[in-house]
Amino acid sequence: MQDTKPLKQAVALTYAEGQFAPKVVAKGRGLIAEQIIACAEENKVFVHESRELVSLLMQVDLDDHIPPELYLAVAEILSWLYRLEQEALGVSQK
């Protein structure tokens, strides 16, 4: 019997202050996806699981900025992550 479980997918984004949008810096399926996730975890980089968002981001070419249609979804994740990091550092949120 053949395994029909879909391959895991992963996309890595980077965003630097001054850029107009995050950029896709790595993406892959199966073993490559597992390596992307392992590398992120080893470097204490946040890993967010969203099958739908990853599916959309897989369509973006490497080194391209994400399309405007995905700005809101990615911005919400980045904003949430920023708040988590600030809380971990003990920075007061007003």
Protein backbone atom coordinates (compact mmCIF):
# COMPACT_ATOMS: atom_id res chain seq x y z
CA MET A 1 0.00 0.00 0.00
CA GLN A 2 1.36 3.39 -1.01
CA ASP A 3 1.45 6.28 1.48
CA THR A 4 -0.94 9.00 0.23
CA LYS A 5 0.00 11.51 2.92
CA PRO A 6 0.86 14.83 1.24
CA LEU A 7 4.46 15.99 1.49
CA LYS A 8 5.21 18.61 4.12
CA GLN A 9 5.84 22.08 2.69
CA ALA A 10 7.79 24.98 4.16
CA VAL A 11 8.53 28.56 3.17
CA ALA A 12 11.04 30.87 4.86
CA LEU A 13 10.53 34.62 4.77
CA THR A 14 12.82 37.47 5.67
CA TYR A 15 11.91 41.06 6.34
CA ALA A 16 14.20 43.95 7.11
CA GLU A 17 13.21 47.43 8.15
CA GLY A 18 12.86 49.60 5.08
CA GLN A 19 11.77 46.78 2.78
CA PHE A 20 8.32 47.23 1.30
CA ALA A 21 7.39 43.57 1.88
CA PRO A 22 8.79 40.29 3.20
CA LYS A 23 10.82 38.20 0.77
CA VAL A 24 10.79 34.42 0.17
CA VAL A 25 14.30 33.15 0.89
CA ALA A 26 13.72 29.38 0.98
CA LYS A 27 10.95 26.97 0.10
CA GLY A 28 10.54 23.29 -0.48
CA ARG A 29 8.60 20.06 -0.05
CA GLY A 30 9.36 16.83 1.76
CA LEU A 31 12.96 16.52 2.96
CA ILE A 32 13.76 20.11 1.94
CA ALA A 33 10.79 21.37 3.98
CA GLU A 34 11.94 19.34 6.97
CA GLN A 35 15.44 20.83 6.65
CA ILE A 36 14.05 24.38 6.45
CA ILE A 37 12.01 23.80 9.62
CA ALA A 38 14.91 22.13 11.45
CA CYS A 39 17.25 24.98 10.53
CA ALA A 40 14.73 27.54 11.77
CA GLU A 41 14.23 25.70 15.05
CA GLU A 42 17.99 25.28 15.58
CA ASN A 43 18.41 29.03 15.15
CA LYS A 44 15.43 29.85 17.38
CA VAL A 45 13.48 31.29 14.45
CA PHE A 46 9.72 31.24 14.87
CA VAL A 47 7.91 28.55 12.86
CA HIS A 48 4.24 29.20 12.11
CA GLU A 49 2.09 26.41 10.72
CA SER A 50 -0.59 27.42 8.26
CA ARG A 51 -1.18 25.02 5.40
CA GLU A 52 -3.22 27.57 3.44
CA LEU A 53 -0.68 30.38 3.76
CA VAL A 54 2.25 28.08 2.91
CA SER A 55 0.37 26.87 -0.16
CA LEU A 56 0.01 30.45 -1.35
CA LEU A 57 3.60 31.36 -0.51
CA MET A 58 4.91 28.31 -2.40
CA GLN A 59 3.72 30.07 -5.57
CA VAL A 60 6.10 33.01 -4.96
CA ASP A 61 9.50 32.70 -6.65
CA LEU A 62 12.64 32.60 -4.51
CA ASP A 63 14.04 36.06 -3.73
CA ASP A 64 10.73 37.69 -4.69
CA HIS A 65 8.71 39.81 -2.29
CA ILE A 66 5.34 38.44 -1.27
CA PRO A 67 2.41 39.76 -3.31
CA PRO A 68 0.13 42.49 -1.92
CA GLU A 69 -2.69 39.94 -1.53
CA LEU A 70 -0.69 38.30 1.28
CA TYR A 71 0.43 41.46 3.10
CA LEU A 72 -2.34 41.38 5.70
CA ALA A 73 -1.97 37.69 6.58
CA VAL A 74 1.82 37.93 6.93
CA ALA A 75 1.62 41.29 8.76
CA GLU A 76 -0.72 39.79 11.37
CA ILE A 77 1.74 36.95 12.02
CA LEU A 78 4.70 39.34 12.20
CA SER A 79 2.81 41.65 14.56
CA TRP A 80 1.86 38.75 16.84
CA LEU A 81 5.46 37.50 16.80
CA TYR A 82 6.78 40.98 17.64
CA ARG A 83 4.45 41.16 20.65
CA LEU A 84 5.61 37.71 21.83
CA GLU A 85 9.26 38.74 21.54
CA GLN A 86 8.62 41.97 23.46
CA GLU A 87 6.83 40.05 26.22
CA ALA A 88 9.72 37.58 26.44
CA LEU A 89 12.11 40.51 26.83
CA GLY A 90 9.91 42.04 29.52
CA VAL A 91 9.10 45.13 27.49
CA SER A 92 5.87 46.82 28.57
CA GLN A 93 3.10 47.01 25.94
CA LYS A 94 0.92 50.12 26.11
